[in-house]
Structures are given as structure tokens and as C-alpha cells.
Amino acid sequence: MWTFIIPLFLALAVGYLAQRTGLCMVRGTHELWAKRPAFLLTILLCGFWFWLILPSDMTLPESFSHQRYSVTLTFLIGGFCFGLGASLNGGCSVSTISKLARGHYHMLATISGWVVGWCGLSSLPLVLDYPAIPAVTTPSLSVVIVLFTLVALIFFIVPTERRAILLGIILFGVLASILTLLMPEWSPSQLLKDITAASIHHQHDRWPSLLRYLVILFLIIGMAFGAKKRLSLTEFTLRPTQLLKHLFAGCIMGIGASLALGGNDSQLLLALPSFSPAGAVSIVMMVVGISCGMGLKRWFKLNKHTKR
């Protein structure tokens, strides 16, 4: 019974914290360019708390240990595409669901596009090479040093008014890491990855269990509870151009996630803490893609004002 209840409770708490802290790599990249790197850095280190909560006598979960890949062009392109799509969308995978939970129903177009992009690419007869490398079974001392340095920076350098948000992201990372320890495949990207493998590639043993669907449901419920303000259905305005924009952005995100073997949620919670070179490169390229998307948006706005 507890093995069923605890993941749901953790998903509820993770969703609540994601909403309250405004956790989003797009926002983090904006802050990076505004010379406030602490927000993005705290997000990037979220998954590394896994090593501090892992019991010393416990073997790594199979889904976690099989996340290490060598760098290939596929990961570079995938990370960039996902970042570009997330920038155009105005949110990454987690923040897209957060916005949906706040009543921004046009994000359903993003999710639909994500499914279309991921499944569409996966259904093509492409032969992509993903060279796996041996798993890391124990964390290095540098992980502990980096995490405690981060906490020290938050308390001694970051302005007081910003500490609560960063500490909230750290708590998100700790709880998400516990959830990853109990259920490594819990993230939305992993769920979509397994659904695609089961339905398109006929790997029927990959069909997700009921618990995994419930975890995502409780994640959304937690986000709804954490929303400071929610749009009611009557307040929501449906605009076709907005739907097309988010559908297009979602397709790019889906293609990128398919190429990189996961969106930013999987990369942050599984690939990065497993010290995957491909995961690190994917995250860097996501930041580059988001930055390019920001530049494109600024360029279009300047052109509009010039024409007027």
C-alpha cells in the first residue's frame, strides 16, 4: 500500500513546489542573461540530490543506471530543437504543465504538438546511434561539495528576497530525487517515451503501469493547488493563432525530446545526475536553443515596431 501512496504524495508535493517556485528552464535562461545565474544553476543541480538520499547499501535502479551515452550529433540537434521550441512556447516541459494547471488551456496545444513531434519522428524509419557507456555506481566527492557550495551561496550571496524561491527549488530537487529513487521513469518525458515504444515500436512490455499515470495526475493536482491565481474556463479566450503557435512549438519540442531521448525533465533528473556526457550536452544545447528563441522573439518584435 505504501509503495503506491508514497509516490503519489511525492508527486503532489513536487507539483506544488514546481508551481510555487516558477521552476522553468526558459525563465532560468532569461535570468542568466540578466546576470542572475543562481536560478538556472539551482535548477541544473536538482537531480544531483539523488546521490545524497541514496542509501549506501542500495544498488542503482536499472532505469537510472542506463542513462549514460556518449555525445553524438543527435543529442546536439535534439537539445537545440527542444530549447528553441520551449522558448517559442514560453515554457519547458514542467512549466507547460504548470501553466495548464493554472488555467492556460492553450498549453493543451503544446502537449498535443509534443506528442505529434515525438511520435511522428519515432515512426520514421530512421537509424539513430546512441552509444551507451558504463554506469557510475557511486557519486564523487565533488557532487557533495558542489551541492553544499550552492546552499552556502544562496545564504551568503543571493539577496534575501530571492532565497525562498531557490530553497524551494532545492526542496523540489530533493523530493523529485526521492521519487526518482522509488520510480526512475516517473517524469512526463519518460512516460511519453515508453508509450511511444509500446505503441509504435510494438514493445508491449513498455506500456506504463497505472501508477505512472496517477503520478502525472497527482503532479498536475499539486500544481493546481500551488497556483496563486487560476483562470476559470469562462475567463479563457480561445485564439486560433495562439493555438497554432503552441502546436508548432510543441512539435519542435517533441522532435527535440525524441532525438535527445527525453525533454529537460528527464535530462535534469536522470541524465545529468548519472553523469551522462550526452545529457550534459543536451542541457547546454537546450539553453542555447532557448537563447536563440529569445533572440528571434526580440527580432520579430523590433520588426513589428519598425513597420508601424
Protein backbone atom coordinates (compact mmCIF):
# COMPACT_ATOMS: atom_id res chain seq x y z
CA MET A 1 0.00 0.00 0.00
CA TRP A 2 2.76 2.47 0.97
CA THR A 3 4.65 1.77 -2.26
CA PHE A 4 1.53 3.07 -4.02
CA ILE A 5 0.71 6.02 -1.72
CA ILE A 6 4.20 7.49 -1.22
CA PRO A 7 4.92 8.18 -4.96
CA LEU A 8 1.52 9.90 -5.27
CA PHE A 9 2.21 12.08 -2.22
CA LEU A 10 5.67 12.97 -3.55
CA ALA A 11 4.21 13.82 -6.98
CA LEU A 12 1.67 16.10 -5.28
CA ALA A 13 4.44 17.88 -3.35
CA VAL A 14 6.73 18.11 -6.41
CA GLY A 15 3.92 19.63 -8.48
CA TYR A 16 3.11 22.14 -5.73
CA LEU A 17 6.76 23.24 -5.44
CA ALA A 18 7.23 23.45 -9.21
CA GLN A 19 4.26 25.82 -9.37
CA ARG A 20 5.16 27.96 -6.36
CA THR A 21 8.80 28.43 -7.39
CA GLY A 22 8.02 29.06 -11.07
CA LEU A 23 10.50 26.34 -11.98
CA CYS A 24 11.29 26.68 -15.68
CA MET A 25 14.45 26.49 -17.78
CA VAL A 26 13.14 29.25 -20.06
CA ARG A 27 12.81 31.56 -17.07
CA GLY A 28 16.22 30.38 -15.83
CA THR A 29 17.82 31.30 -19.17
CA HIS A 30 16.16 34.73 -19.07
CA GLU A 31 17.66 35.26 -15.62
CA LEU A 32 21.04 34.02 -16.82
CA TRP A 33 21.13 36.71 -19.49
CA ALA A 34 20.01 39.23 -16.86
CA LYS A 35 23.18 38.28 -14.91
CA ARG A 36 21.27 36.34 -12.26
CA PRO A 37 22.57 32.79 -12.83
CA ALA A 38 21.55 31.36 -9.42
CA PHE A 39 18.03 30.37 -10.55
CA LEU A 40 19.25 28.34 -13.54
CA LEU A 41 22.16 26.85 -11.59
CA THR A 42 19.80 25.65 -8.84
CA ILE A 43 17.56 24.02 -11.47
CA LEU A 44 20.52 22.31 -13.17
CA LEU A 45 21.62 20.77 -9.87
CA CYS A 46 18.13 19.49 -8.96
CA GLY A 47 18.81 15.88 -9.89
CA PHE A 48 22.15 15.62 -8.06
CA TRP A 49 20.37 15.49 -4.68
CA PHE A 50 19.68 11.87 -5.70
CA TRP A 51 23.18 10.92 -4.56
CA LEU A 52 22.65 12.37 -1.08
CA ILE A 53 19.39 10.48 -0.44
CA LEU A 54 20.58 7.18 -1.99
CA PRO A 55 21.20 4.59 0.78
CA SER A 56 24.83 3.48 0.70
CA ASP A 57 23.92 -0.22 0.52
CA MET A 58 21.37 0.18 -2.26
CA THR A 59 22.08 -0.71 -5.89
CA LEU A 60 21.17 1.83 -8.53
CA PRO A 61 17.74 1.43 -10.17
CA GLU A 62 18.13 -0.06 -13.64
CA SER A 63 16.36 2.84 -15.36
CA PHE A 64 18.77 5.29 -13.71
CA SER A 65 21.98 3.41 -14.44
CA HIS A 66 21.12 3.01 -18.14
CA GLN A 67 21.11 6.74 -18.83
CA ARG A 68 24.74 7.28 -19.83
CA TYR A 69 25.52 7.89 -23.50
CA SER A 70 28.41 9.29 -25.49
CA VAL A 71 27.92 12.63 -27.21
CA THR A 72 26.58 12.43 -30.78
CA LEU A 73 25.18 14.97 -33.24
CA THR A 74 21.70 13.62 -32.48
CA PHE A 75 21.87 14.87 -28.87
CA LEU A 76 23.18 18.26 -30.03
CA ILE A 77 20.35 18.75 -32.53
CA GLY A 78 17.75 17.31 -30.14
CA GLY A 79 18.74 19.58 -27.27
CA PHE A 80 18.77 22.66 -29.50
CA CYS A 81 15.35 21.86 -31.03
CA PHE A 82 13.79 21.27 -27.63
CA GLY A 83 15.22 24.54 -26.29
CA LEU A 84 14.07 26.51 -29.34
CA GLY A 85 10.58 25.04 -29.10
CA ALA A 86 10.42 25.70 -25.34
CA SER A 87 11.40 29.34 -25.92
CA LEU A 88 8.71 29.82 -28.57
CA ASN A 89 6.25 28.07 -26.26
CA GLY A 90 7.22 30.24 -23.29
CA GLY A 91 7.89 27.24 -21.06
CA CYS A 92 9.70 23.90 -20.84
CA SER A 93 8.04 20.53 -20.18
CA VAL A 94 7.35 21.04 -16.45
CA SER A 95 6.27 24.69 -16.76
CA THR A 96 3.96 23.80 -19.67
CA ILE A 97 2.02 21.50 -17.32
CA SER A 98 2.24 24.17 -14.57
CA LYS A 99 0.62 26.74 -16.86
CA LEU A 100 -2.07 24.26 -17.87
CA ALA A 101 -2.83 23.70 -14.16
CA ARG A 102 -3.25 27.50 -13.80
CA GLY A 103 -5.96 27.52 -16.44
CA HIS A 104 -3.84 28.37 -19.50
CA TYR A 105 -5.66 25.80 -21.61
CA HIS A 106 -3.84 26.71 -24.83
CA MET A 107 -0.98 24.64 -23.38
CA LEU A 108 -3.00 21.60 -24.44
CA ALA A 109 -1.92 22.55 -27.99
CA THR A 110 1.74 22.39 -26.83
CA ILE A 111 1.23 18.96 -25.29
CA SER A 112 -0.55 17.76 -28.45
CA GLY A 113 2.29 19.09 -30.59
CA TRP A 114 4.82 17.42 -28.31
CA VAL A 115 3.08 14.06 -28.79
CA VAL A 116 2.85 14.59 -32.57
CA GLY A 117 6.53 15.61 -32.83
CA TRP A 118 7.82 12.78 -30.66
CA CYS A 119 5.64 10.02 -32.12
CA GLY A 120 5.98 11.36 -35.67
CA LEU A 121 9.77 11.25 -35.58
CA SER A 122 9.80 7.88 -33.80
CA SER A 123 7.58 6.36 -36.51
CA LEU A 124 10.02 7.29 -39.30
CA PRO A 125 12.45 4.56 -40.46
CA LEU A 126 15.50 6.39 -39.11
CA VAL A 127 18.52 4.55 -37.75
CA LEU A 128 19.95 6.67 -34.93
CA ASP A 129 23.00 5.58 -32.97
CA TYR A 130 23.04 6.03 -29.19
CA PRO A 131 26.36 4.61 -27.90
CA ALA A 132 25.92 3.65 -24.25
CA ILE A 133 28.76 3.93 -21.74
CA PRO A 134 29.20 2.16 -18.36
CA ALA A 135 27.14 3.35 -15.41
CA VAL A 136 28.52 5.29 -12.46
CA THR A 137 27.69 3.45 -9.25
CA THR A 138 28.96 5.90 -6.63
CA PRO A 139 28.95 9.70 -6.53
CA SER A 140 32.18 11.64 -6.48
CA LEU A 141 33.07 13.90 -3.55
CA SER A 142 32.72 16.84 -5.93
CA VAL A 143 28.92 16.32 -6.02
CA VAL A 144 28.65 16.83 -2.27
CA ILE A 145 30.98 19.85 -2.40
CA VAL A 146 29.06 21.46 -5.28
CA LEU A 147 25.65 20.98 -3.61
CA PHE A 148 26.74 22.41 -0.27
CA THR A 149 28.55 25.26 -2.05
CA LEU A 150 25.24 26.02 -3.77
CA VAL A 151 23.44 26.18 -0.41
CA ALA A 152 26.19 28.42 1.00
CA LEU A 153 25.93 30.78 -2.00
CA ILE A 154 22.18 31.03 -1.55
CA PHE A 155 22.52 32.02 2.13
CA PHE A 156 25.53 34.33 1.80
CA ILE A 157 25.39 35.87 -1.69
CA VAL A 158 21.82 35.69 -3.06
CA PRO A 159 19.59 38.60 -1.90
CA THR A 160 17.24 37.72 0.96
CA GLU A 161 14.08 38.20 -1.08
CA ARG A 162 15.19 35.53 -3.58
CA ARG A 163 16.30 32.88 -1.11
CA ALA A 164 12.86 31.35 -0.55
CA ILE A 165 12.41 30.53 -4.25
CA LEU A 166 15.86 28.95 -4.56
CA LEU A 167 15.42 26.92 -1.39
CA GLY A 168 12.04 25.84 -2.75
CA ILE A 169 13.78 24.58 -5.90
CA ILE A 170 16.28 22.69 -3.73
CA LEU A 171 13.38 21.07 -1.83
CA PHE A 172 11.82 20.26 -5.22
CA GLY A 173 15.10 18.60 -6.22
CA VAL A 174 15.26 16.54 -3.01
CA LEU A 175 11.65 15.32 -3.28
CA ALA A 176 11.95 14.71 -7.03
CA SER A 177 15.12 12.72 -6.35
CA ILE A 178 13.31 10.56 -3.78
CA LEU A 179 10.55 10.00 -6.33
CA THR A 180 13.21 9.12 -8.93
CA LEU A 181 14.74 6.64 -6.49
CA LEU A 182 11.35 4.95 -5.99
CA MET A 183 10.22 5.29 -9.60
CA PRO A 184 13.01 6.35 -12.04
CA GLU A 185 10.61 6.52 -15.00
CA TRP A 186 8.04 8.87 -13.37
CA SER A 187 8.72 12.03 -15.44
CA PRO A 188 6.37 13.13 -18.27
CA SER A 189 9.14 12.61 -20.86
CA GLN A 190 9.75 9.05 -19.69
CA LEU A 191 6.02 8.30 -19.76
CA LEU A 192 5.74 9.52 -23.36
CA LYS A 193 8.92 7.66 -24.31
CA ASP A 194 7.50 4.35 -23.06
CA ILE A 195 4.06 4.93 -24.61
CA THR A 196 5.79 5.59 -27.95
CA ALA A 197 7.95 2.46 -27.62
CA ALA A 198 4.91 0.33 -26.78
CA SER A 199 2.51 1.70 -29.41
CA ILE A 200 4.78 2.50 -32.36
CA HIS A 201 7.63 0.04 -31.89
CA HIS A 202 5.35 -2.72 -30.51
CA GLN A 203 7.41 -3.16 -27.34
CA HIS A 204 4.35 -4.18 -25.34
CA ASP A 205 6.34 -4.72 -22.13
CA ARG A 206 6.95 -0.94 -22.09
CA TRP A 207 3.30 0.02 -21.51
CA PRO A 208 3.30 2.22 -18.38
CA SER A 209 1.61 0.96 -15.23
CA LEU A 210 -1.49 2.62 -13.78
CA LEU A 211 0.65 4.12 -11.02
CA ARG A 212 2.72 6.11 -13.52
CA TYR A 213 -0.41 7.73 -14.98
CA LEU A 214 -1.64 8.50 -11.46
CA VAL A 215 1.72 10.09 -10.59
CA ILE A 216 1.34 12.54 -13.51
CA LEU A 217 -2.27 13.21 -12.46
CA PHE A 218 -1.18 13.99 -8.89
CA LEU A 219 1.65 16.14 -10.26
CA ILE A 220 -0.96 18.26 -12.07
CA ILE A 221 -3.20 18.37 -8.97
CA GLY A 222 -0.23 19.58 -6.91
CA MET A 223 0.44 22.29 -9.48
CA ALA A 224 -3.22 23.34 -9.35
CA PHE A 225 -3.02 23.64 -5.53
CA GLY A 226 0.19 25.65 -5.84
CA ALA A 227 -1.22 28.19 -8.30
CA LYS A 228 -1.51 31.66 -6.77
CA LYS A 229 -4.16 32.56 -9.32
CA ARG A 230 -6.09 30.37 -11.73
CA LEU A 231 -8.01 31.34 -14.84
CA SER A 232 -11.52 29.98 -14.86
CA LEU A 233 -12.82 28.34 -18.02
CA THR A 234 -15.12 31.34 -18.60
CA GLU A 235 -12.14 33.75 -18.46
CA PHE A 236 -10.13 31.77 -21.00
CA THR A 237 -10.10 33.22 -24.53
CA LEU A 238 -9.52 30.80 -27.39
CA ARG A 239 -7.38 32.33 -30.16
CA PRO A 240 -6.63 30.16 -33.25
CA THR A 241 -3.26 31.87 -33.90
CA GLN A 242 -2.21 31.18 -30.31
CA LEU A 243 -3.17 27.51 -30.64
CA LEU A 244 -1.19 27.19 -33.91
CA LYS A 245 1.84 28.85 -32.33
CA HIS A 246 1.85 26.48 -29.35
CA LEU A 247 1.12 23.45 -31.54
CA PHE A 248 4.14 24.34 -33.70
CA ALA A 249 6.34 24.96 -30.64
CA GLY A 250 5.18 21.65 -29.13
CA CYS A 251 6.07 19.77 -32.33
CA ILE A 252 9.62 21.17 -32.22
CA MET A 253 9.89 20.25 -28.53
CA GLY A 254 8.63 16.74 -29.26
CA ILE A 255 11.10 16.21 -32.09
CA GLY A 256 13.93 17.51 -29.91
CA ALA A 257 12.94 15.31 -26.97
CA SER A 258 12.73 12.27 -29.24
CA LEU A 259 16.22 12.91 -30.65
CA ALA A 260 17.75 13.61 -27.21
CA LEU A 261 15.93 10.66 -25.54
CA GLY A 262 13.97 12.96 -23.25
CA GLY A 263 12.93 16.51 -22.54
CA ASN A 264 14.56 18.72 -19.95
CA ASP A 265 12.79 16.87 -17.10
CA SER A 266 14.47 13.55 -17.99
CA GLN A 267 17.81 15.24 -18.65
CA LEU A 268 17.80 17.06 -15.30
CA LEU A 269 16.55 14.21 -13.12
CA LEU A 270 18.16 11.20 -14.83
CA ALA A 271 20.82 12.01 -17.42
CA LEU A 272 22.74 14.78 -15.61
CA PRO A 273 22.97 13.09 -12.18
CA SER A 274 24.05 9.86 -13.89
CA PHE A 275 27.00 11.88 -15.31
CA SER A 276 25.96 11.28 -18.90
CA PRO A 277 28.08 13.34 -21.33
CA ALA A 278 25.17 13.29 -23.79
CA GLY A 279 22.81 14.57 -21.08
CA ALA A 280 25.16 17.44 -20.22
CA VAL A 281 25.49 18.42 -23.89
CA SER A 282 21.71 18.19 -24.39
CA ILE A 283 21.12 20.58 -21.48
CA VAL A 284 23.74 23.05 -22.79
CA MET A 285 22.12 22.95 -26.24
CA MET A 286 18.69 23.49 -24.68
CA VAL A 287 19.98 26.69 -23.10
CA VAL A 288 21.47 27.70 -26.49
CA GLY A 289 18.15 26.92 -28.21
CA ILE A 290 16.19 28.93 -25.63
CA SER A 291 18.60 31.85 -26.09
CA CYS A 292 18.16 31.71 -29.88
CA GLY A 293 14.39 31.63 -29.42
CA MET A 294 14.61 34.71 -27.19
CA GLY A 295 16.63 36.44 -29.91
CA LEU A 296 14.08 35.51 -32.59
CA LYS A 297 11.21 36.85 -30.48
CA ARG A 298 13.05 40.12 -29.90
CA TRP A 299 13.84 40.42 -33.62
CA PHE A 300 10.19 39.89 -34.61
CA LYS A 301 9.02 42.49 -32.09
CA LEU A 302 11.56 45.04 -33.37
CA ASN A 303 10.43 44.39 -36.97
CA LYS A 304 6.79 44.91 -35.99
CA HIS A 305 7.56 48.25 -34.32
CA THR A 306 9.70 49.33 -37.31
CA LYS A 307 6.87 48.61 -39.77
CA ARG A 308 4.46 50.64 -37.66
